[in-house]
Protein backbone atom coordinates (compact mmCIF):
# COMPACT_ATOMS: atom_id res chain seq x y z
CA MET A 1 -117.39 -5.33 -158.77
CA SER A 2 -118.65 -5.67 -155.21
CA ALA A 3 -118.47 -9.46 -155.49
CA LEU A 4 -114.85 -9.26 -156.60
CA LEU A 5 -113.86 -6.78 -153.92
CA TYR A 6 -115.62 -8.27 -150.91
CA ALA A 7 -117.59 -11.48 -151.52
CA LYS A 8 -114.63 -13.52 -152.75
CA PHE A 9 -112.46 -12.22 -149.93
CA ARG A 10 -114.96 -13.43 -147.38
CA VAL A 11 -115.06 -17.03 -148.64
CA GLY A 12 -111.83 -18.27 -147.08
CA ALA A 13 -111.60 -15.63 -144.36
CA PRO A 14 -112.68 -17.83 -141.37
CA GLU A 15 -110.05 -20.52 -142.01
CA LEU A 16 -107.28 -18.02 -142.69
CA LYS A 17 -108.29 -16.04 -139.62
CA ARG A 18 -107.88 -19.18 -137.47
CA ILE A 19 -104.41 -19.77 -138.89
CA GLY A 20 -103.44 -16.16 -138.42
CA GLN A 21 -104.69 -16.24 -134.83
CA GLU A 22 -102.54 -19.32 -134.16
CA ILE A 23 -99.46 -17.55 -135.50
CA HIS A 24 -100.29 -14.44 -133.51
CA ASP A 25 -100.65 -16.43 -130.28
CA ARG A 26 -97.26 -18.06 -130.78
CA ALA A 27 -95.71 -14.63 -131.36
CA LEU A 28 -96.63 -13.72 -127.77
CA ALA A 29 -94.25 -15.13 -125.18
CA PRO A 30 -96.11 -16.67 -122.19
CA SER A 31 -95.63 -14.99 -118.84
CA GLY A 32 -92.71 -16.40 -116.90
CA VAL A 33 -91.09 -17.93 -119.98
CA GLU A 34 -87.97 -16.54 -121.58
CA ALA A 35 -88.36 -15.13 -125.07
CA GLY A 36 -87.20 -17.58 -127.70
CA GLY A 37 -88.59 -17.98 -131.19
CA GLU A 38 -91.41 -15.47 -130.75
CA ALA A 39 -89.63 -12.94 -132.96
CA GLU A 40 -89.85 -15.32 -135.90
CA TYR A 41 -93.61 -15.69 -135.45
CA GLN A 42 -93.99 -11.93 -135.07
CA SER A 43 -92.28 -11.42 -138.41
CA LEU A 44 -94.78 -13.85 -139.93
CA VAL A 45 -97.66 -11.85 -138.43
CA ASN A 46 -96.26 -8.63 -139.87
CA GLU A 47 -95.85 -10.33 -143.23
CA LEU A 48 -99.51 -11.38 -143.12
CA TYR A 49 -100.62 -7.79 -142.54
CA GLN A 50 -98.35 -6.43 -145.26
CA SER A 51 -99.40 -9.05 -147.81
CA TYR A 52 -103.09 -8.47 -147.14
CA SER A 53 -102.72 -4.68 -147.27
CA ALA A 54 -100.76 -4.83 -150.54
CA THR A 55 -103.34 -7.13 -152.16
CA ARG A 56 -106.28 -5.01 -151.06
CA GLY A 57 -104.46 -1.83 -152.04
CA ARG A 58 -103.98 -3.03 -155.61
CA LEU A 59 -107.74 -3.50 -155.87
CA ILE A 60 -109.03 -0.51 -153.94
CA LEU A 61 -106.59 2.33 -154.63
CA PRO A 62 -107.18 2.56 -158.42
CA LEU A 63 -110.92 2.85 -157.78
CA VAL A 64 -110.41 5.49 -155.10
CA ILE A 65 -108.09 7.54 -157.31
CA LYS A 66 -110.56 7.37 -160.19
CA LYS A 67 -113.42 8.46 -157.95
CA MET A 68 -111.42 11.37 -156.52
CA ASN A 69 -110.63 12.58 -160.03
CA GLU A 70 -114.31 12.39 -160.98
CA ILE A 71 -115.36 14.40 -157.93
CA ALA A 72 -112.61 16.96 -158.55
CA LEU A 73 -113.83 17.51 -162.14
CA ALA A 74 -117.55 17.58 -161.34
CA PRO A 75 -119.17 20.98 -161.99
CA SER A 76 -120.64 21.15 -158.50
CA SER A 77 -117.33 20.56 -156.70
CA SER A 78 -114.58 21.57 -159.12
CA LYS A 79 -114.36 25.14 -157.74
CA ASP A 80 -115.99 24.76 -154.31
CA ILE A 81 -113.71 23.25 -151.69
CA VAL A 82 -116.58 22.58 -149.27
CA ALA A 83 -118.63 20.71 -151.89
CA PHE A 84 -115.56 18.70 -152.88
CA ALA A 85 -114.77 17.83 -149.26
CA ARG A 86 -118.35 16.82 -148.56
CA SER A 87 -118.49 14.37 -151.47
CA SER A 88 -114.95 13.01 -151.27
CA ILE A 89 -114.79 12.52 -147.49
CA SER A 90 -118.18 10.80 -147.50
CA TYR A 91 -116.96 8.40 -150.19
CA ILE A 92 -113.67 7.68 -148.39
CA ARG A 93 -115.51 7.08 -145.14
CA GLY A 94 -117.70 4.44 -146.79
CA ILE A 95 -114.65 2.69 -148.24
CA CYS A 96 -112.86 2.74 -144.87
CA MET A 97 -115.91 1.32 -143.11
CA ASP A 98 -116.11 -1.58 -145.59
CA GLU A 99 -112.39 -2.27 -145.30
CA TYR A 100 -112.60 -2.11 -141.52
CA ASP A 101 -115.32 -4.77 -141.50
CA LEU A 102 -113.43 -6.99 -143.94
CA TRP A 103 -110.25 -6.70 -141.88
CA GLY A 104 -112.17 -7.96 -138.86
CA GLU A 105 -113.15 -11.09 -140.81
CA TRP A 106 -109.50 -11.84 -141.60
CA PHE A 107 -107.72 -10.86 -138.40
CA SER A 108 -108.61 -10.86 -134.72
CA THR A 109 -106.55 -7.74 -133.96
CA GLU A 110 -106.24 -4.30 -135.53
CA GLU A 111 -102.45 -4.30 -135.78
CA GLY A 112 -101.49 -2.90 -139.16
CA LEU A 113 -105.04 -1.70 -139.90
CA ARG A 114 -104.29 1.97 -139.25
CA ASP A 115 -101.44 2.04 -141.79
CA PHE A 116 -103.62 0.33 -144.38
CA LEU A 117 -106.53 2.74 -143.97
CA GLU A 118 -104.19 5.74 -144.07
CA SER A 119 -102.94 4.55 -147.45
CA ILE A 120 -106.57 4.42 -148.62
CA CYS A 121 -107.02 8.07 -147.56
CA GLU A 122 -103.93 9.33 -149.40
CA PRO A 123 -105.75 10.09 -152.70
CA LEU A 124 -108.18 12.25 -150.75
CA PHE A 125 -105.38 14.27 -149.16
CA ASP A 126 -103.60 14.59 -152.52
CA HIS A 127 -106.62 16.50 -153.81
CA LEU A 128 -107.84 18.27 -150.68
CA ARG A 129 -104.52 19.56 -149.32
CA PRO A 130 -103.56 21.70 -152.39
CA ARG A 131 -107.08 23.14 -152.50
CA THR A 132 -106.85 24.04 -148.81
CA ILE A 133 -103.43 25.65 -149.18
CA HIS A 134 -104.57 27.84 -152.08
CA GLU A 135 -107.96 28.78 -150.57
CA THR A 136 -108.17 32.53 -149.89
CA GLN A 137 -111.72 32.83 -148.53
CA ILE A 138 -111.91 32.63 -144.74
CA LEU A 139 -115.61 31.82 -144.88
CA LYS A 140 -114.97 28.72 -147.00
CA LEU A 141 -112.28 27.51 -144.61
CA CYS A 142 -114.64 28.02 -141.67
CA GLU A 143 -117.30 25.99 -143.47
CA LEU A 144 -114.75 23.25 -144.19
CA CYS A 145 -113.68 23.05 -140.54
CA THR A 146 -117.31 22.98 -139.41
CA LEU A 147 -118.12 20.23 -141.91
CA ILE A 148 -115.29 17.98 -140.74
CA GLN A 149 -115.87 18.64 -137.04
CA THR A 150 -119.64 18.17 -137.05
CA ARG A 151 -119.87 15.22 -139.43
CA TYR A 152 -116.71 13.19 -138.95
CA VAL A 153 -115.00 14.19 -135.71
CA HIS A 154 -116.72 12.90 -132.59
CA ASP A 155 -116.34 14.66 -129.25
CA ASP A 156 -115.06 12.72 -126.28
CA GLU A 157 -118.28 13.57 -124.46
CA ASP A 158 -120.42 11.73 -127.02
CA GLU A 159 -122.08 8.68 -125.57
CA VAL A 160 -120.84 5.45 -127.10
CA SER A 161 -123.00 2.34 -127.08
CA PRO A 162 -121.44 -0.54 -125.09
CA VAL A 163 -122.10 -2.86 -128.04
CA ASP A 164 -120.23 -0.56 -130.48
CA THR A 165 -116.85 -0.75 -128.73
CA HIS A 166 -114.91 -1.83 -131.84
CA ARG A 167 -116.01 0.86 -134.26
CA LEU A 168 -113.82 2.57 -136.80
CA ASP A 169 -112.12 5.70 -135.49
CA PHE A 170 -112.55 7.68 -138.70
CA ALA A 171 -111.93 10.95 -136.84
CA ALA A 172 -108.27 9.98 -136.44
CA LEU A 173 -107.98 9.26 -140.16
CA ILE A 174 -109.50 12.58 -141.25
CA GLN A 175 -107.68 14.64 -138.61
CA PRO A 176 -104.89 15.73 -141.03
CA ALA A 177 -107.48 17.38 -143.30
CA LEU A 178 -108.91 19.29 -140.35
CA GLU A 179 -105.45 20.39 -139.23
CA ASP A 180 -104.63 21.63 -142.75
CA ALA A 181 -107.81 23.70 -142.87
CA GLN A 182 -107.24 25.14 -139.39
CA THR A 183 -103.62 26.01 -140.19
CA ARG A 184 -104.64 27.83 -143.36
CA LEU A 185 -107.45 29.62 -141.53
CA VAL A 186 -105.10 30.88 -138.81
CA PHE A 187 -102.62 32.02 -141.46
CA LEU A 188 -105.23 34.10 -143.29
CA ALA A 189 -106.58 35.54 -140.02
CA LEU A 190 -103.09 36.64 -138.96
CA ASN A 191 -102.58 38.28 -142.35
CA ILE A 192 -105.76 40.30 -141.91
CA LEU A 193 -104.80 41.33 -138.39
CA ARG A 194 -101.35 42.38 -139.54
CA ASN A 195 -102.23 44.14 -142.80
CA ASP A 196 -105.66 45.63 -142.04
CA ILE A 197 -105.28 46.43 -138.33
CA GLU A 198 -101.71 46.48 -137.04
CA PHE A 199 -100.13 48.17 -140.07
CA TYR A 200 -103.26 49.91 -141.32
CA LYS A 201 -102.57 53.39 -142.69
CA PRO A 202 -105.77 55.42 -142.99
CA LYS A 203 -106.23 57.73 -145.95
CA PRO A 204 -107.28 61.36 -145.43
CA GLU A 205 -110.77 60.64 -146.74
CA ASP A 206 -111.13 57.83 -144.21
CA LEU A 207 -110.66 60.29 -141.34
CA ASP A 208 -112.84 63.05 -142.80
CA TYR A 209 -115.97 61.60 -141.24
CA PRO A 210 -118.28 64.68 -141.44
CA ALA A 211 -117.54 64.97 -145.15
CA ARG A 212 -118.41 61.31 -145.60
CA ILE A 213 -121.77 61.94 -143.93
CA ARG A 214 -122.49 64.78 -146.34
CA ARG A 215 -121.48 62.71 -149.34
CA ASN A 216 -123.69 59.83 -148.27
CA ALA A 217 -126.64 62.19 -147.74
CA THR A 218 -126.09 63.78 -151.14
CA THR A 219 -125.89 60.39 -152.84
CA ALA A 220 -129.03 59.15 -151.11
CA ASN A 221 -130.91 62.34 -152.02
CA ARG A 222 -129.80 62.11 -155.65
CA ASN A 223 -130.84 58.46 -155.95
CA GLY A 224 -134.11 58.99 -154.13
CA GLN A 225 -133.20 56.46 -151.44
CA PRO A 226 -134.38 56.96 -147.86
CA ILE A 227 -131.82 57.33 -145.11
CA LEU A 228 -132.24 54.46 -142.72
CA SER A 229 -132.48 55.73 -139.15
CA GLY A 230 -133.96 52.68 -137.45
CA ARG A 231 -137.26 54.48 -136.72
CA LYS A 232 -140.52 53.75 -138.45
CA THR A 233 -141.88 56.94 -140.02
CA SER A 234 -144.69 57.18 -142.47
CA ASN A 235 -143.42 60.36 -144.12
CA ALA A 236 -139.68 59.89 -144.32
CA THR A 237 -137.87 62.89 -145.74
CA VAL A 238 -134.28 63.23 -146.79
CA LYS A 239 -132.48 66.31 -145.55
CA ASP A 240 -130.82 68.63 -147.96
CA PRO A 241 -127.00 68.66 -147.67
CA SER A 242 -127.17 72.32 -146.54
CA ILE A 243 -129.49 71.31 -143.71
CA VAL A 244 -127.09 68.55 -142.74
CA ASP A 245 -124.31 71.16 -142.62
CA SER A 246 -126.38 73.42 -140.40
CA ASP A 247 -126.99 70.60 -137.96
CA LEU A 248 -123.27 70.15 -137.51
CA GLY A 249 -121.50 72.29 -135.00
CA GLU A 250 -118.22 74.09 -135.30
CA ASN A 251 -115.46 72.35 -137.23
CA GLY A 252 -118.06 70.12 -138.85
CA HIS A 253 -118.70 67.95 -135.75
CA GLU A 254 -121.91 67.11 -133.95
CA PRO A 255 -122.76 69.69 -131.21
CA GLN A 256 -122.60 68.67 -127.59
CA LEU A 257 -125.73 67.32 -125.96
CA THR A 258 -126.24 70.36 -123.66
CA SER A 259 -125.90 72.96 -126.41
CA HIS A 260 -128.06 70.91 -128.69
CA ILE A 261 -130.87 70.82 -126.10
C-alpha cells in the first residue's frame, strides 16, 4: 500500500516538477513588461494543483475515512473524546506530513497545498466536531484543549531551526478543532455561572448552617468516623450533638471571640 501511495508517485516527480516550474515561471509577468498571456499559464498552474489534489484525494481520503471510523468504534476511544482526539489527530498529522513531503517533490511552491491538506482533515472534523458539541464535561473539554495546544499548536516564541524553515504548519490545520473545543468550553462555563451563581436560589436547608453542622456531627458519630480538624491528635474524640449545641452561642451561632475567651 505504501508503494502504491508514495513510491510510484515519486518515480516521475522530478521531470514533472521541472515542467510545472517552467509553467509557473511563465505565469509570472517579468517586471517592466505588460501583462499578456500570463493568465493562460496561471490557469494551467491551477489546473495542475487541482488535478494532483483530486488524484491524491481519491487514494488517501477512503483510507482516512476508514481509519477514523475504526478509531471512533474502538473501545478505548468510542466514549472518551480525549482518547479519540489523541489517536485521530496523531494519525491525521502523520498523513499530512507525508503528503506535505510528496507535494514538495512535485511542486516548487505551496500554492494549493493548504486546500488539499484541509480536505484531508475533513474526516477528522466530521467525527470530532459532533463529539465536541455534545460534550457536557468541562474537565474533558479542558483536557482536549490542553492536548491540542501542547502537542500540536506551537507558540510563536518557540525556537525554530534555520534549516527547518519549510516545515508543515499543522497548527493552522488543527486550529478549527481547538476553536470548537474552546467555544463549547466557554458555553458550558457561562451556563454554570448563570444557573449556579447568578440565578442561584438557595433552599432553606442551605442557609441553616448551624443545623448542618449538627447533622454532620451526628452522622459522623453514628458511623464512627472521626471529624477532621486538621490537627494531629492521638486520642481523637467525637463530640456528642448536645455538646456541639452547648458550644454554640445564642441563636445557634458561634460565640464571639471575647466572650468565648
